[in-house]
Amino acid sequence: MRGEGDETVVVVEPLSYPGESVAWVAVAILSLLYLLGMIDRYFITLLQGAIKADLHITDFQLSLLYGAAFAVVFAFAGLFAGWVVDRFSRRKVVFWSVVVWSLSAASCGLSRTFGALAAARAGVGIGESGITPTSHSVLADMFRPHRLALPLSVYALGGKLGQSLSFLIGSFVATVIAPAAIYQLANGWYVHGWQLAFVVVGLPGLVLAFLIFTIPEPGRHRPAGGSEGGFGEYARFMRANPRFFTAHHLAAMIMTTVSVGMTSWAPAYFERVHGLSVTSTGLWMGIALLVGPTLGLPLHGAMTDRLFRNGRGDAHLVYLAAAAALSTPIGIAAFLVSSTAVSLVLLTVFAALISGYLSLPATALQLAIPGSFRGKSSAVFYLTAAQPSITFGPMIVASFTDFVFRDPQKVGLSISLTIALLMPLTALVMAAAFKPVRELARARRSEMLPLDDRH
C-alpha cells in the first residue's frame, strides 16, 4: 500500500502457483505420508481377535480403541495444528506429525493393558491431527481453484490406500508373526505377536518423514489486505454463514461415521460370519478397499472439477449427496448376502461410490473460505466432523451387536442397519448446503484466482 497525494493506492500482486510437476510431486509425497498414517491407524482392526483374547476385553471396548481413544485427542490436537499451520512452516508440521504418530504406533506394541493401549492410540491421534489440515493448506496454495478437487482426491486416495494396505500388510505380517503367538526377545522379555507387529509397522515412518523436505514451502494465497485471522475471526465467519457450515459439517460427519464403522468391523464380520482367517481377511479386505477407492476417488475429483469449472458452485456437494443415495442399497446388501465373493464385490462397489467423502467436502470447504483460514477451517472441520465419526462409527456398530442383537455373529446385521439409517440422512442434510455453498464459492472465486484467470 502506498500514498499518492490524498489517495491511498492498494498494490495487489498476482497470485502465483508453482509448476504442475512441483505441485504433483507434493501431492505424491503428502499422499504417501497420509497412507502411512492410515496404516498405523487401521492396523489394529485386523489384530482385534488376538488383542481381545489377550487383554480380555469386549467388542465395545475394542470400539473405544478403534475410535474414542484416537479420535478425541485427534480432534482437539487438530485445533492447535490448525493454528500452527496458518503461521509456521507447514513442512515442519508434517515432519513432526509423522514422527509422533510413528513412535506412538510402535508403542502400541509395548502395551500390556487396555489403558496403556488406549494411551498409545491417543498418541497416534495427536500425531495424525496435523497431516490433513497441513496438506489441504499446502495443496490449496499449489493448485488453482478449478483444479483443486482432483489433487485433493488423489491425496484422499492415499488414505484409502492406507486402509487397504493396513489389511494387506497385516495379512503378510500375520503369516510371519502369528498375532496370538508369544515371542521371546532379548533379556528374557516376552511379547505377543500382535505387540511385535505394531512395532514392525510403526517404525518406518521415522525415516519416511524426511521426504517432506524434498518439496518447497508454497506461498500463501490471501485476499488483498487479508490477515492471518485467528480462531475468533473464523468463528465470526462461521456464524455469518450458519446454514452452510451446519449442513456441510453435519453431512460429512454422518457419512464418515458410516465409513469408519463399516471399515472397523468388516474384518470381524468376515472372520466371524464367513469364517475367513486373519490372513484371508486381510488379503480380501485389502483388495476391496484398494480397488474401490482407486477407481472412485480420481473419477469423483475429475468429474467435480469439470462441473465446478462449468459454473456449478455446488458441484462437490450435489455429487456427494447423489453418491450417498445410490450407495445405500449396495452397502446394506454387502453385509447380508451369504456368499463371501458377492459380499466382497458389493463392498468394493460401495467403497468406490462413497470414497468421495474423503475429498469433496474438504474441497468445497477450501473453495468457500478466505485463504487466511485454510488451516483453521480444516482443524475445525475435523473437530466437528471427523472426531465424532471416528468415535461413534465403531461404537454404533458395536452397540447394535452387544446391546440390541446381543450376538457377536450379528455384526454384519449391525453394519447394514447403520448404513440403512445414516446414509440416506447424509443426502438429506447435504442438500441444505447446496445454495449457501454456491454463494460462498462465487464470493471467493475472484480473490482465489490469479489475476490473469479472473473473469
Protein backbone atom coordinates (compact mmCIF):
# COMPACT_ATOMS: atom_id res chain seq x y z
CA MET A 1 0.00 0.00 0.00
CA ARG A 2 1.40 3.45 -0.86
CA GLY A 3 0.13 7.02 -0.62
CA GLU A 4 -0.13 9.29 -3.68
CA GLY A 5 -1.28 12.76 -2.74
CA ASP A 6 -4.57 12.43 -0.88
CA GLU A 7 -5.24 8.99 -2.31
CA THR A 8 -4.29 5.58 -1.00
CA VAL A 9 -3.48 3.02 -3.65
CA VAL A 10 -3.59 -0.70 -2.75
CA VAL A 11 -0.97 -2.68 -4.65
CA VAL A 12 -2.18 -6.21 -5.34
CA GLU A 13 0.31 -8.78 -6.58
CA PRO A 14 -0.98 -11.55 -8.85
CA LEU A 15 -1.31 -14.86 -7.07
CA SER A 16 1.37 -17.30 -8.17
CA TYR A 17 1.32 -21.07 -8.30
CA PRO A 18 4.27 -23.47 -8.66
CA GLY A 19 4.75 -25.53 -11.79
CA GLU A 20 2.49 -28.54 -12.34
CA SER A 21 5.33 -31.01 -11.83
CA VAL A 22 6.29 -29.48 -8.46
CA ALA A 23 2.68 -29.43 -7.33
CA TRP A 24 2.09 -33.06 -8.25
CA VAL A 25 5.30 -34.16 -6.52
CA ALA A 26 3.86 -32.53 -3.41
CA VAL A 27 0.62 -34.48 -3.91
CA ALA A 28 2.60 -37.72 -4.20
CA ILE A 29 4.66 -37.14 -1.04
CA LEU A 30 1.76 -35.92 1.08
CA SER A 31 -0.37 -38.84 -0.15
CA LEU A 32 2.39 -41.29 0.76
CA LEU A 33 2.68 -39.90 4.28
CA TYR A 34 -1.11 -39.89 4.68
CA LEU A 35 -1.12 -43.51 3.50
CA LEU A 36 1.43 -44.35 6.16
CA GLY A 37 -0.70 -42.72 8.84
CA MET A 38 -3.78 -44.65 7.83
CA ILE A 39 -1.86 -47.92 8.02
CA ASP A 40 -0.88 -47.07 11.59
CA ARG A 41 -4.47 -46.04 12.37
CA TYR A 42 -6.33 -49.07 10.99
CA PHE A 43 -3.79 -51.84 11.53
CA ILE A 44 -5.34 -52.50 14.93
CA THR A 45 -8.64 -53.69 13.40
CA LEU A 46 -7.01 -56.72 11.80
CA LEU A 47 -5.45 -57.74 15.11
CA GLN A 48 -8.73 -57.44 17.01
CA GLY A 49 -9.09 -61.15 17.71
CA ALA A 50 -5.69 -61.54 19.37
CA ILE A 51 -5.99 -58.26 21.26
CA LYS A 52 -9.45 -59.11 22.53
CA ALA A 53 -8.32 -62.52 23.76
CA ASP A 54 -5.09 -61.31 25.36
CA LEU A 55 -6.50 -58.23 27.11
CA HIS A 56 -9.88 -59.86 27.90
CA ILE A 57 -11.97 -57.01 26.53
CA THR A 58 -15.38 -56.74 24.82
CA ASP A 59 -16.39 -55.53 21.37
CA PHE A 60 -17.48 -52.24 22.94
CA GLN A 61 -14.04 -51.76 24.50
CA LEU A 62 -12.48 -52.56 21.14
CA SER A 63 -14.66 -49.86 19.61
CA LEU A 64 -13.16 -47.38 22.08
CA LEU A 65 -9.65 -48.34 20.94
CA TYR A 66 -10.67 -48.01 17.29
CA GLY A 67 -12.47 -44.70 17.85
CA ALA A 68 -12.63 -42.61 21.03
CA ALA A 69 -9.10 -43.24 22.31
CA PHE A 70 -7.78 -41.99 18.97
CA ALA A 71 -10.42 -39.51 17.90
CA VAL A 72 -10.90 -37.27 20.94
CA VAL A 73 -7.27 -36.16 21.12
CA PHE A 74 -7.06 -36.21 17.30
CA ALA A 75 -9.75 -33.57 17.06
CA PHE A 76 -8.61 -31.25 19.85
CA ALA A 77 -4.94 -31.51 18.91
CA GLY A 78 -6.09 -30.61 15.41
CA LEU A 79 -7.20 -27.18 16.64
CA PHE A 80 -3.66 -26.44 17.73
CA ALA A 81 -2.33 -27.88 14.48
CA GLY A 82 -4.68 -25.63 12.50
CA TRP A 83 -3.39 -22.58 14.34
CA VAL A 84 0.23 -23.62 13.72
CA VAL A 85 -0.40 -24.39 10.03
CA ASP A 86 -1.52 -20.82 9.31
CA ARG A 87 1.56 -19.31 10.98
CA PHE A 88 4.62 -21.53 10.71
CA SER A 89 6.42 -23.81 8.27
CA ARG A 90 3.99 -26.40 7.03
CA ARG A 91 6.79 -28.79 6.11
CA LYS A 92 7.92 -28.89 9.75
CA VAL A 93 4.35 -29.50 10.91
CA VAL A 94 4.12 -32.52 8.63
CA PHE A 95 7.52 -33.84 9.73
CA TRP A 96 6.76 -33.76 13.44
CA SER A 97 3.27 -35.15 12.88
CA VAL A 98 4.70 -38.24 11.18
CA VAL A 99 7.37 -38.70 13.86
CA VAL A 100 4.84 -38.52 16.71
CA TRP A 101 2.32 -40.93 15.23
CA SER A 102 5.01 -43.42 14.17
CA LEU A 103 6.52 -43.56 17.66
CA SER A 104 3.03 -43.87 19.15
CA ALA A 105 2.03 -46.66 16.76
CA ALA A 106 5.18 -48.58 17.64
CA SER A 107 4.48 -48.02 21.34
CA CYS A 108 1.16 -49.86 20.92
CA GLY A 109 3.41 -52.90 20.84
CA LEU A 110 4.66 -52.08 24.34
CA SER A 111 1.13 -52.07 25.76
CA ARG A 112 0.12 -54.82 28.15
CA THR A 113 -3.18 -53.37 29.41
CA PHE A 114 -6.28 -51.81 27.91
CA GLY A 115 -5.33 -48.43 29.42
CA ALA A 116 -1.80 -48.48 28.03
CA LEU A 117 -3.04 -49.39 24.56
CA ALA A 118 -5.63 -46.61 24.74
CA ALA A 119 -2.89 -44.12 25.67
CA ALA A 120 -0.73 -45.24 22.75
CA ARG A 121 -3.71 -44.86 20.42
CA ALA A 122 -4.17 -41.32 21.76
CA GLY A 123 -0.57 -40.60 20.75
CA VAL A 124 -1.33 -41.79 17.22
CA GLY A 125 -4.26 -39.37 17.19
CA ILE A 126 -2.09 -36.45 18.29
CA GLY A 127 0.40 -37.11 15.51
CA GLU A 128 -2.17 -37.64 12.77
CA SER A 129 -4.07 -34.48 13.71
CA GLY A 130 -1.53 -32.37 11.82
CA ILE A 131 -1.24 -34.12 8.47
CA THR A 132 -4.55 -33.32 6.77
CA PRO A 133 -5.00 -29.63 7.76
CA THR A 134 -1.43 -29.04 6.62
CA SER A 135 -1.82 -30.96 3.38
CA HIS A 136 -5.06 -29.18 2.50
CA SER A 137 -3.38 -25.82 3.12
CA VAL A 138 -0.35 -26.72 1.02
CA LEU A 139 -2.33 -28.10 -1.93
CA ALA A 140 -4.84 -25.24 -1.94
CA ASP A 141 -1.87 -22.90 -2.38
CA MET A 142 -0.36 -25.04 -5.15
CA PHE A 143 -3.40 -25.62 -7.42
CA ARG A 144 -5.87 -23.19 -8.97
CA PRO A 145 -9.42 -23.46 -7.56
CA HIS A 146 -10.96 -25.12 -10.62
CA ARG A 147 -8.24 -27.81 -10.49
CA LEU A 148 -8.25 -28.46 -6.75
CA ALA A 149 -10.71 -31.36 -6.42
CA LEU A 150 -8.52 -33.81 -8.35
CA PRO A 151 -5.32 -33.36 -6.30
CA LEU A 152 -7.31 -33.43 -3.06
CA SER A 153 -8.99 -36.62 -4.29
CA VAL A 154 -5.61 -38.16 -5.09
CA TYR A 155 -4.41 -37.13 -1.63
CA ALA A 156 -7.50 -38.71 -0.08
CA LEU A 157 -6.78 -41.82 -2.13
CA GLY A 158 -3.59 -42.11 -0.10
CA GLY A 159 -5.78 -42.53 2.96
CA LYS A 160 -7.93 -45.21 1.40
CA LEU A 161 -4.85 -46.99 0.11
CA GLY A 162 -3.52 -46.84 3.66
CA GLN A 163 -6.69 -48.52 4.89
CA SER A 164 -6.37 -51.28 2.32
CA LEU A 165 -2.64 -51.69 2.88
CA SER A 166 -3.22 -51.95 6.63
CA PHE A 167 -5.12 -55.15 5.80
CA LEU A 168 -2.74 -56.36 3.10
CA ILE A 169 0.35 -55.65 5.19
CA GLY A 170 -1.41 -57.11 8.19
CA SER A 171 -2.14 -60.25 6.21
CA PHE A 172 1.53 -60.56 5.31
CA VAL A 173 2.73 -59.76 8.82
CA ALA A 174 0.32 -62.34 10.25
CA THR A 175 1.95 -65.05 8.12
CA VAL A 176 5.36 -64.13 9.54
CA ILE A 177 4.38 -63.04 13.05
CA ALA A 178 1.40 -65.00 14.40
CA PRO A 179 -0.71 -62.45 16.34
CA ALA A 180 -1.61 -64.90 19.11
CA ALA A 181 1.87 -66.43 19.47
CA ILE A 182 4.39 -65.50 22.17
CA TYR A 183 7.92 -64.47 21.17
CA GLN A 184 10.99 -64.25 23.36
CA LEU A 185 13.15 -61.18 22.82
CA ALA A 186 16.39 -60.09 24.44
CA ASN A 187 16.89 -60.32 28.22
CA GLY A 188 14.07 -62.81 28.60
CA TRP A 189 11.37 -60.30 27.58
CA TYR A 190 8.27 -61.96 26.13
CA VAL A 191 5.79 -60.28 23.81
CA HIS A 192 2.71 -61.44 21.97
CA GLY A 193 2.77 -61.49 18.19
CA TRP A 194 0.29 -58.62 17.89
CA GLN A 195 2.59 -56.44 20.00
CA LEU A 196 5.62 -57.22 17.85
CA ALA A 197 3.56 -56.50 14.73
CA PHE A 198 2.77 -52.98 15.94
CA VAL A 199 6.47 -52.22 16.37
CA VAL A 200 7.34 -53.53 12.91
CA VAL A 201 4.62 -51.47 11.23
CA GLY A 202 5.14 -48.26 13.22
CA LEU A 203 8.86 -47.57 12.90
CA PRO A 204 9.27 -46.93 9.10
CA GLY A 205 7.60 -43.53 9.49
CA LEU A 206 10.64 -42.21 11.34
CA VAL A 207 12.59 -42.45 8.07
CA LEU A 208 9.85 -41.52 5.60
CA ALA A 209 9.05 -38.32 7.50
CA PHE A 210 12.13 -36.66 5.95
CA LEU A 211 10.54 -36.84 2.46
CA ILE A 212 8.53 -33.71 3.21
CA PHE A 213 11.69 -31.59 2.97
CA THR A 214 12.09 -32.51 -0.72
CA ILE A 215 9.23 -30.17 -1.70
CA PRO A 216 9.20 -26.35 -1.41
CA GLU A 217 7.08 -24.39 1.06
CA PRO A 218 4.42 -22.74 -1.14
CA GLY A 219 3.40 -19.10 -0.84
CA ARG A 220 0.16 -18.40 1.00
CA HIS A 221 -2.74 -17.06 -1.06
CA ARG A 222 -4.71 -14.46 0.84
CA PRO A 223 -7.21 -11.83 -0.32
CA ALA A 224 -5.81 -8.33 -0.80
CA GLY A 225 -5.22 -6.73 2.58
CA GLY A 226 -6.03 -10.05 4.29
CA SER A 227 -4.55 -11.01 7.63
CA GLU A 228 -3.77 -14.34 9.20
CA GLY A 229 -7.13 -14.30 11.02
CA GLY A 230 -7.41 -16.14 14.36
CA PHE A 231 -9.98 -18.68 15.50
CA GLY A 232 -12.18 -15.86 16.80
CA GLU A 233 -12.33 -14.28 13.35
CA TYR A 234 -13.03 -17.66 11.77
CA ALA A 235 -15.81 -18.28 14.32
CA ARG A 236 -17.40 -14.98 13.26
CA PHE A 237 -17.19 -16.05 9.62
CA MET A 238 -18.91 -19.34 10.53
CA ARG A 239 -21.65 -17.54 12.46
CA ALA A 240 -22.25 -15.34 9.42
CA ASN A 241 -22.84 -18.47 7.31
CA PRO A 242 -24.65 -20.88 9.67
CA ARG A 243 -26.60 -22.85 7.09
CA PHE A 244 -23.54 -23.80 5.08
CA PHE A 245 -21.33 -24.80 7.99
CA THR A 246 -24.05 -26.69 9.87
CA ALA A 247 -25.22 -28.72 6.88
CA HIS A 248 -21.75 -29.23 5.40
CA HIS A 249 -20.08 -30.38 8.63
CA LEU A 250 -23.02 -32.50 9.81
CA ALA A 251 -23.47 -34.31 6.49
CA ALA A 252 -19.75 -35.05 6.27
CA MET A 253 -19.80 -36.32 9.85
CA ILE A 254 -22.70 -38.69 9.20
CA MET A 255 -21.17 -40.13 6.02
CA THR A 256 -17.77 -40.56 7.66
CA THR A 257 -19.45 -42.30 10.61
CA VAL A 258 -20.81 -44.93 8.24
CA SER A 259 -17.47 -45.47 6.53
CA VAL A 260 -15.46 -45.68 9.76
CA GLY A 261 -17.98 -48.03 11.39
CA MET A 262 -18.03 -50.28 8.34
CA THR A 263 -14.25 -50.36 7.94
CA SER A 264 -13.66 -51.01 11.64
CA TRP A 265 -15.98 -54.01 11.89
CA ALA A 266 -15.85 -55.56 8.41
CA PRO A 267 -12.78 -57.68 9.38
CA ALA A 268 -14.70 -59.12 12.35
CA TYR A 269 -17.67 -59.77 10.03
CA PHE A 270 -15.63 -61.77 7.54
CA GLU A 271 -13.89 -63.72 10.29
CA ARG A 272 -16.99 -64.46 12.39
CA VAL A 273 -19.68 -64.86 9.75
CA HIS A 274 -17.79 -66.12 6.69
CA GLY A 275 -15.13 -68.00 8.64
CA LEU A 276 -12.11 -66.37 6.97
CA SER A 277 -8.74 -66.48 8.70
CA VAL A 278 -6.90 -63.32 9.73
CA THR A 279 -4.62 -63.73 6.71
CA SER A 280 -7.50 -64.21 4.24
CA THR A 281 -9.49 -61.37 5.77
CA GLY A 282 -6.54 -59.02 5.44
CA LEU A 283 -5.93 -60.06 1.84
CA TRP A 284 -9.50 -59.74 0.56
CA MET A 285 -10.46 -56.69 2.61
CA GLY A 286 -7.25 -55.04 1.45
CA ILE A 287 -8.06 -55.73 -2.20
CA ALA A 288 -11.64 -54.45 -1.83
CA LEU A 289 -10.55 -51.23 -0.16
CA LEU A 290 -7.73 -50.82 -2.67
CA VAL A 291 -9.71 -51.34 -5.85
CA GLY A 292 -12.87 -49.42 -4.89
CA PRO A 293 -11.37 -46.06 -3.89
CA THR A 294 -8.60 -46.31 -6.51
CA LEU A 295 -11.31 -46.37 -9.17
CA GLY A 296 -13.64 -43.96 -7.41
CA LEU A 297 -11.61 -41.09 -5.98
CA PRO A 298 -9.83 -39.85 -9.13
CA LEU A 299 -13.11 -40.14 -11.04
CA HIS A 300 -15.00 -38.16 -8.40
CA GLY A 301 -12.31 -35.47 -8.37
CA ALA A 302 -12.09 -35.12 -12.14
CA MET A 303 -15.87 -35.01 -12.63
CA THR A 304 -16.49 -32.43 -9.91
CA ASP A 305 -13.59 -30.27 -11.17
CA ARG A 306 -15.27 -30.24 -14.56
CA LEU A 307 -18.69 -29.41 -13.12
CA PHE A 308 -17.22 -26.63 -10.98
CA ARG A 309 -15.28 -25.24 -13.94
CA ASN A 310 -18.55 -25.13 -15.89
CA GLY A 311 -20.21 -22.98 -13.26
CA ARG A 312 -21.67 -25.45 -10.73
CA GLY A 313 -20.56 -23.88 -7.46
CA ASP A 314 -22.30 -26.67 -5.53
CA ALA A 315 -20.86 -29.46 -7.69
CA HIS A 316 -18.93 -31.22 -4.94
CA LEU A 317 -21.84 -31.47 -2.52
CA VAL A 318 -24.51 -32.35 -5.10
CA TYR A 319 -22.29 -35.10 -6.43
CA LEU A 320 -21.65 -36.49 -2.95
CA ALA A 321 -25.33 -36.46 -1.99
CA ALA A 322 -26.18 -38.44 -5.11
CA ALA A 323 -23.42 -40.95 -4.32
CA ALA A 324 -24.77 -41.39 -0.77
CA ALA A 325 -28.26 -42.19 -2.03
CA LEU A 326 -27.04 -44.54 -4.77
CA SER A 327 -24.70 -46.47 -2.49
CA THR A 328 -27.21 -47.22 0.30
CA PRO A 329 -28.81 -50.44 -1.03
CA ILE A 330 -25.42 -51.73 -2.18
CA GLY A 331 -23.87 -51.21 1.25
CA ILE A 332 -26.79 -52.87 3.03
CA ALA A 333 -26.63 -55.93 0.78
CA ALA A 334 -22.85 -56.29 1.18
CA PHE A 335 -23.26 -57.44 4.79
CA LEU A 336 -26.39 -59.54 4.37
CA VAL A 337 -25.58 -61.87 1.46
CA SER A 338 -24.42 -65.42 2.21
CA SER A 339 -21.76 -65.58 -0.50
CA THR A 340 -18.32 -64.35 0.56
CA ALA A 341 -17.39 -63.47 -3.02
CA VAL A 342 -20.57 -61.46 -3.63
CA SER A 343 -20.12 -59.68 -0.30
CA LEU A 344 -16.59 -58.63 -1.25
CA VAL A 345 -17.68 -57.42 -4.69
CA LEU A 346 -20.51 -55.35 -3.20
CA LEU A 347 -18.10 -53.98 -0.60
CA THR A 348 -15.75 -52.90 -3.40
CA VAL A 349 -18.55 -51.10 -5.25
CA PHE A 350 -19.79 -49.46 -2.04
CA ALA A 351 -16.27 -48.28 -1.19
CA ALA A 352 -15.89 -46.82 -4.70
CA LEU A 353 -19.18 -44.91 -4.55
CA ILE A 354 -18.71 -43.35 -1.11
CA SER A 355 -14.99 -42.62 -1.37
CA GLY A 356 -15.69 -39.03 -2.39
CA TYR A 357 -16.48 -38.22 1.24
CA LEU A 358 -12.72 -38.10 1.81
CA SER A 359 -12.06 -35.23 -0.59
CA LEU A 360 -15.20 -33.49 -1.85
CA PRO A 361 -16.37 -31.89 1.44
CA ALA A 362 -12.82 -30.65 2.04
CA THR A 363 -12.63 -29.26 -1.50
CA ALA A 364 -15.95 -27.44 -1.12
CA LEU A 365 -14.77 -26.01 2.19
CA GLN A 366 -11.45 -24.74 0.80
CA LEU A 367 -13.29 -23.09 -2.10
CA ALA A 368 -15.81 -21.42 0.23
CA ILE A 369 -13.49 -19.81 2.80
CA PRO A 370 -10.97 -16.95 2.65
CA GLY A 371 -7.38 -18.11 2.19
CA SER A 372 -6.36 -16.87 5.64
CA PHE A 373 -8.44 -19.61 7.27
CA ARG A 374 -7.10 -22.69 5.47
CA GLY A 375 -5.51 -24.46 8.42
CA LYS A 376 -8.11 -23.42 10.97
CA SER A 377 -11.02 -24.42 8.73
CA SER A 378 -9.62 -27.93 8.34
CA ALA A 379 -8.96 -28.20 12.08
CA VAL A 380 -12.50 -27.14 12.99
CA PHE A 381 -13.95 -29.37 10.29
CA TYR A 382 -12.11 -32.38 11.69
CA LEU A 383 -13.13 -31.48 15.24
CA THR A 384 -16.81 -31.28 14.36
CA ALA A 385 -16.99 -33.91 11.61
CA ALA A 386 -14.15 -36.41 11.84
CA GLN A 387 -13.84 -36.66 15.62
CA PRO A 388 -17.48 -37.64 16.26
CA SER A 389 -17.46 -40.06 13.34
CA ILE A 390 -14.23 -41.80 14.36
CA THR A 391 -15.60 -42.04 17.90
CA PHE A 392 -19.18 -43.07 17.17
CA GLY A 393 -18.76 -45.07 13.95
CA PRO A 394 -17.21 -48.13 15.64
CA MET A 395 -19.33 -47.53 18.75
CA ILE A 396 -22.68 -47.52 16.92
CA VAL A 397 -21.98 -50.83 15.21
CA ALA A 398 -20.68 -52.38 18.45
CA SER A 399 -23.71 -51.11 20.38
CA PHE A 400 -26.10 -52.79 17.95
CA THR A 401 -24.10 -56.01 18.23
CA ASP A 402 -23.67 -56.04 22.03
CA PHE A 403 -26.86 -54.38 23.27
CA VAL A 404 -29.54 -54.83 20.56
CA PHE A 405 -28.80 -58.16 18.86
CA ARG A 406 -26.69 -59.48 21.79
CA ASP A 407 -24.83 -61.79 19.44
CA PRO A 408 -21.29 -61.31 18.06
CA GLN A 409 -22.35 -63.23 14.95
CA LYS A 410 -24.81 -60.44 14.08
CA VAL A 411 -22.06 -57.89 13.43
CA GLY A 412 -22.93 -57.87 9.72
CA LEU A 413 -26.55 -57.00 10.50
CA SER A 414 -25.28 -54.21 12.74
CA ILE A 415 -23.22 -52.75 9.89
CA SER A 416 -26.17 -52.97 7.45
CA LEU A 417 -28.50 -51.27 9.92
CA THR A 418 -26.00 -48.45 10.41
CA ILE A 419 -25.80 -47.91 6.65
CA ALA A 420 -29.60 -48.05 6.24
CA LEU A 421 -30.20 -45.44 8.93
CA LEU A 422 -27.41 -42.97 8.27
CA MET A 423 -26.58 -42.93 4.56
CA PRO A 424 -29.95 -41.54 3.34
CA LEU A 425 -29.74 -38.97 6.15
CA THR A 426 -26.42 -37.83 4.69
CA ALA A 427 -28.03 -36.94 1.36
CA LEU A 428 -30.88 -35.03 3.02
CA VAL A 429 -28.61 -32.94 5.24
CA MET A 430 -26.14 -32.28 2.43
CA ALA A 431 -28.93 -30.81 0.30
CA ALA A 432 -29.34 -27.96 2.78
CA ALA A 433 -25.81 -26.76 1.92
CA PHE A 434 -26.30 -26.53 -1.86
CA LYS A 435 -27.47 -22.90 -2.05
CA PRO A 436 -25.07 -21.37 0.53
CA VAL A 437 -22.02 -23.12 -0.93
CA ARG A 438 -22.85 -21.69 -4.36
CA GLU A 439 -22.96 -18.19 -2.86
CA LEU A 440 -19.73 -18.61 -0.90
CA ALA A 441 -17.84 -20.14 -3.83
CA ARG A 442 -18.91 -17.23 -6.02
CA ALA A 443 -17.68 -14.74 -3.43
CA ARG A 444 -14.31 -16.44 -3.06
CA ARG A 445 -13.65 -17.07 -6.74
CA SER A 446 -12.32 -13.63 -7.65
CA GLU A 447 -9.90 -13.47 -4.72
CA MET A 448 -8.52 -17.02 -5.18
CA LEU A 449 -7.75 -16.94 -8.89
CA PRO A 450 -4.61 -15.35 -10.34
CA LEU A 451 -5.31 -12.00 -11.95
CA ASP A 452 -5.00 -13.37 -15.45
CA ASP A 453 -7.64 -16.07 -14.71
CA ARG A 454 -10.31 -13.78 -13.26
CA HIS A 455 -13.48 -13.23 -15.17
